[in-house]
Structures are given as structure tokens and as C-alpha cells.
Amino acid sequence: MVLASFRNSHSVWKIGAFDVVCGLVSLAGLAFWAFVHEPTVALAAFVGADQVAGLPTVRKSWLAPSTESPRVFIMGSLTVASRY
């Protein structure tokens, strides 16, 4: 699904330098998380990587709000909330 989304010729958003940098920083944080043997530092690296990975979505929703659906965010929030 993810790979197919990149090949969509009708998509509004194209991957730019900001998206690539966020992806690389996120992957570096995940690699650090996988190799560090200190639980608190590993958790901080994982949370940081997760936050950086979400930045392109926040940027896209700010610059092109018509391409986002509030319903998707609400459903995602309900899914997370239902696990607790």
C-alpha cells in the first residue's frame, strides 16, 4: 500500500527534501533505539524518531489542508484511545 501511494500520479503531494531528511532522521533514531542498551535513552530515541516521522504529515496538512480528512485523524485517535 505504501509503495503504491508513492506511484499515484494524481497525488497532490510530492516527496521533497524535507520529507527525505525527516525520514532519514527517523530511521537514524530507530537504529539508535535498536542498538542502545539503556532503556530510558532508547525510549527517548524511539519517541523522537516517531515525532520526526510525523512532521511531513503535519507540514502537508498545514500547507494543503484540503487534502486531509478530519475523519481519518479522529478514527486514528479513537483507535489509540480504545487500546487503553
C-alpha atoms as a PDB file:
ATOM      1  CA  MET A   1       0.000   0.000   0.000  1.00  0.00           C
ATOM      2  CA  VAL A   2       2.729   2.445   0.956  1.00  0.00           C
ATOM      3  CA  LEU A   3       4.726   1.783  -2.193  1.00  0.00           C
ATOM      4  CA  ALA A   4       1.612   2.153  -4.349  1.00  0.00           C
ATOM      5  CA  SER A   5       0.866   5.515  -2.758  1.00  0.00           C
ATOM      6  CA  PHE A   6       4.203   6.872  -3.995  1.00  0.00           C
ATOM      7  CA  ARG A   7       3.352   5.925  -7.569  1.00  0.00           C
ATOM      8  CA  ASN A   8      -0.022   7.687  -7.613  1.00  0.00           C
ATOM      9  CA  SER A   9       0.193  10.178 -10.490  1.00  0.00           C
ATOM     10  CA  HIS A  10      -2.838  12.092  -9.169  1.00  0.00           C
ATOM     11  CA  SER A  11      -1.408  12.704  -5.718  1.00  0.00           C
ATOM     12  CA  VAL A  12      -1.282  16.285  -4.522  1.00  0.00           C
ATOM     13  CA  TRP A  13       1.950  15.978  -2.593  1.00  0.00           C
ATOM     14  CA  LYS A  14       5.377  15.059  -3.903  1.00  0.00           C
ATOM     15  CA  ILE A  15       8.289  13.916  -1.744  1.00  0.00           C
ATOM     16  CA  GLY A  16      10.740  16.758  -1.202  1.00  0.00           C
ATOM     17  CA  ALA A  17      13.977  17.365   0.656  1.00  0.00           C
ATOM     18  CA  PHE A  18      12.157  17.984   3.958  1.00  0.00           C
ATOM     19  CA  ASP A  19      10.395  14.622   3.708  1.00  0.00           C
ATOM     20  CA  VAL A  20      13.641  12.804   2.944  1.00  0.00           C
ATOM     21  CA  VAL A  21      15.521  14.484   5.812  1.00  0.00           C
ATOM     22  CA  CYS A  22      12.725  13.645   8.267  1.00  0.00           C
ATOM     23  CA  GLY A  23      12.735  10.052   7.057  1.00  0.00           C
ATOM     24  CA  LEU A  24      16.498   9.731   7.446  1.00  0.00           C
ATOM     25  CA  VAL A  25      16.482  11.306  10.930  1.00  0.00           C
ATOM     26  CA  SER A  26      13.647   8.990  11.924  1.00  0.00           C
ATOM     27  CA  LEU A  27      15.495   5.927  10.639  1.00  0.00           C
ATOM     28  CA  ALA A  28      18.655   7.021  12.465  1.00  0.00           C
ATOM     29  CA  GLY A  29      16.633   7.358  15.677  1.00  0.00           C
ATOM     30  CA  LEU A  30      15.181   3.888  15.209  1.00  0.00           C
ATOM     31  CA  ALA A  31      18.634   2.425  14.537  1.00  0.00           C
ATOM     32  CA  PHE A  32      19.946   4.111  17.669  1.00  0.00           C
ATOM     33  CA  TRP A  33      16.964   2.738  19.610  1.00  0.00           C
ATOM     34  CA  ALA A  34      17.723  -0.787  18.358  1.00  0.00           C
ATOM     35  CA  PHE A  35      21.401  -0.722  19.330  1.00  0.00           C
ATOM     36  CA  VAL A  36      21.482   1.183  22.619  1.00  0.00           C
ATOM     37  CA  HIS A  37      21.284  -0.892  25.775  1.00  0.00           C
ATOM     38  CA  GLU A  38      19.966   1.844  28.055  1.00  0.00           C
ATOM     39  CA  PRO A  39      16.150   1.632  28.282  1.00  0.00           C
ATOM     40  CA  THR A  40      15.486   5.314  29.038  1.00  0.00           C
ATOM     41  CA  VAL A  41      17.740   6.567  26.245  1.00  0.00           C
ATOM     42  CA  ALA A  42      16.273   4.001  23.854  1.00  0.00           C
ATOM     43  CA  LEU A  43      12.747   5.126  24.696  1.00  0.00           C
ATOM     44  CA  ALA A  44      13.657   8.774  24.154  1.00  0.00           C
ATOM     45  CA  ALA A  45      15.226   7.884  20.774  1.00  0.00           C
ATOM     46  CA  PHE A  46      12.142   5.939  19.741  1.00  0.00           C
ATOM     47  CA  VAL A  47       9.752   8.733  20.741  1.00  0.00           C
ATOM     48  CA  GLY A  48      11.924  11.322  18.999  1.00  0.00           C
ATOM     49  CA  ALA A  49      12.084   9.227  15.830  1.00  0.00           C
ATOM     50  CA  ASP A  50       8.312   8.814  15.879  1.00  0.00           C
ATOM     51  CA  GLN A  51       7.769  12.569  16.272  1.00  0.00           C
ATOM     52  CA  VAL A  52      10.153  13.433  13.434  1.00  0.00           C
ATOM     53  CA  ALA A  53       8.469  10.850  11.187  1.00  0.00           C
ATOM     54  CA  GLY A  54       5.154  12.660  11.673  1.00  0.00           C
ATOM     55  CA  LEU A  55       6.448  16.114  10.734  1.00  0.00           C
ATOM     56  CA  PRO A  56       5.884  15.722   6.963  1.00  0.00           C
ATOM     57  CA  THR A  57       2.220  14.890   7.611  1.00  0.00           C
ATOM     58  CA  VAL A  58       1.810  17.938   9.847  1.00  0.00           C
ATOM     59  CA  ARG A  59       3.510  20.126   7.236  1.00  0.00           C
ATOM     60  CA  LYS A  60       1.319  18.756   4.441  1.00  0.00           C
ATOM     61  CA  SER A  61      -1.857  19.292   6.454  1.00  0.00           C
ATOM     62  CA  TRP A  62      -0.773  22.888   7.137  1.00  0.00           C
ATOM     63  CA  LEU A  63       0.152  23.697   3.534  1.00  0.00           C
ATOM     64  CA  ALA A  64      -2.639  21.754   1.797  1.00  0.00           C
ATOM     65  CA  PRO A  65      -5.490  21.298   4.297  1.00  0.00           C
ATOM     66  CA  SER A  66      -7.980  20.308   1.616  1.00  0.00           C
ATOM     67  CA  THR A  67      -6.039  17.070   1.061  1.00  0.00           C
ATOM     68  CA  GLU A  68      -6.586  15.907   4.637  1.00  0.00           C
ATOM     69  CA  SER A  69      -9.722  14.464   6.172  1.00  0.00           C
ATOM     70  CA  PRO A  70     -10.577  15.135   9.830  1.00  0.00           C
ATOM     71  CA  ARG A  71     -12.340  11.781   9.854  1.00  0.00           C
ATOM     72  CA  VAL A  72      -9.046   9.901   9.385  1.00  0.00           C
ATOM     73  CA  PHE A  73      -7.424  11.698  12.337  1.00  0.00           C
ATOM     74  CA  ILE A  74     -10.474  11.174  14.546  1.00  0.00           C
ATOM     75  CA  MET A  75     -10.626   7.464  13.713  1.00  0.00           C
ATOM     76  CA  GLY A  76      -6.892   7.122  14.408  1.00  0.00           C
ATOM     77  CA  SER A  77      -7.317   8.836  17.768  1.00  0.00           C
ATOM     78  CA  LEU A  78     -10.228   6.584  18.675  1.00  0.00           C
ATOM     79  CA  THR A  79      -8.207   3.510  17.731  1.00  0.00           C
ATOM     80  CA  VAL A  80      -5.363   4.542  20.044  1.00  0.00           C
ATOM     81  CA  ALA A  81      -7.757   5.540  22.823  1.00  0.00           C
ATOM     82  CA  SER A  82      -9.596   2.200  22.613  1.00  0.00           C
ATOM     83  CA  ARG A  83      -6.385   0.302  23.418  1.00  0.00           C
ATOM     84  CA  TYR A  84      -6.197   1.822  26.876  1.00  0.00           C
END
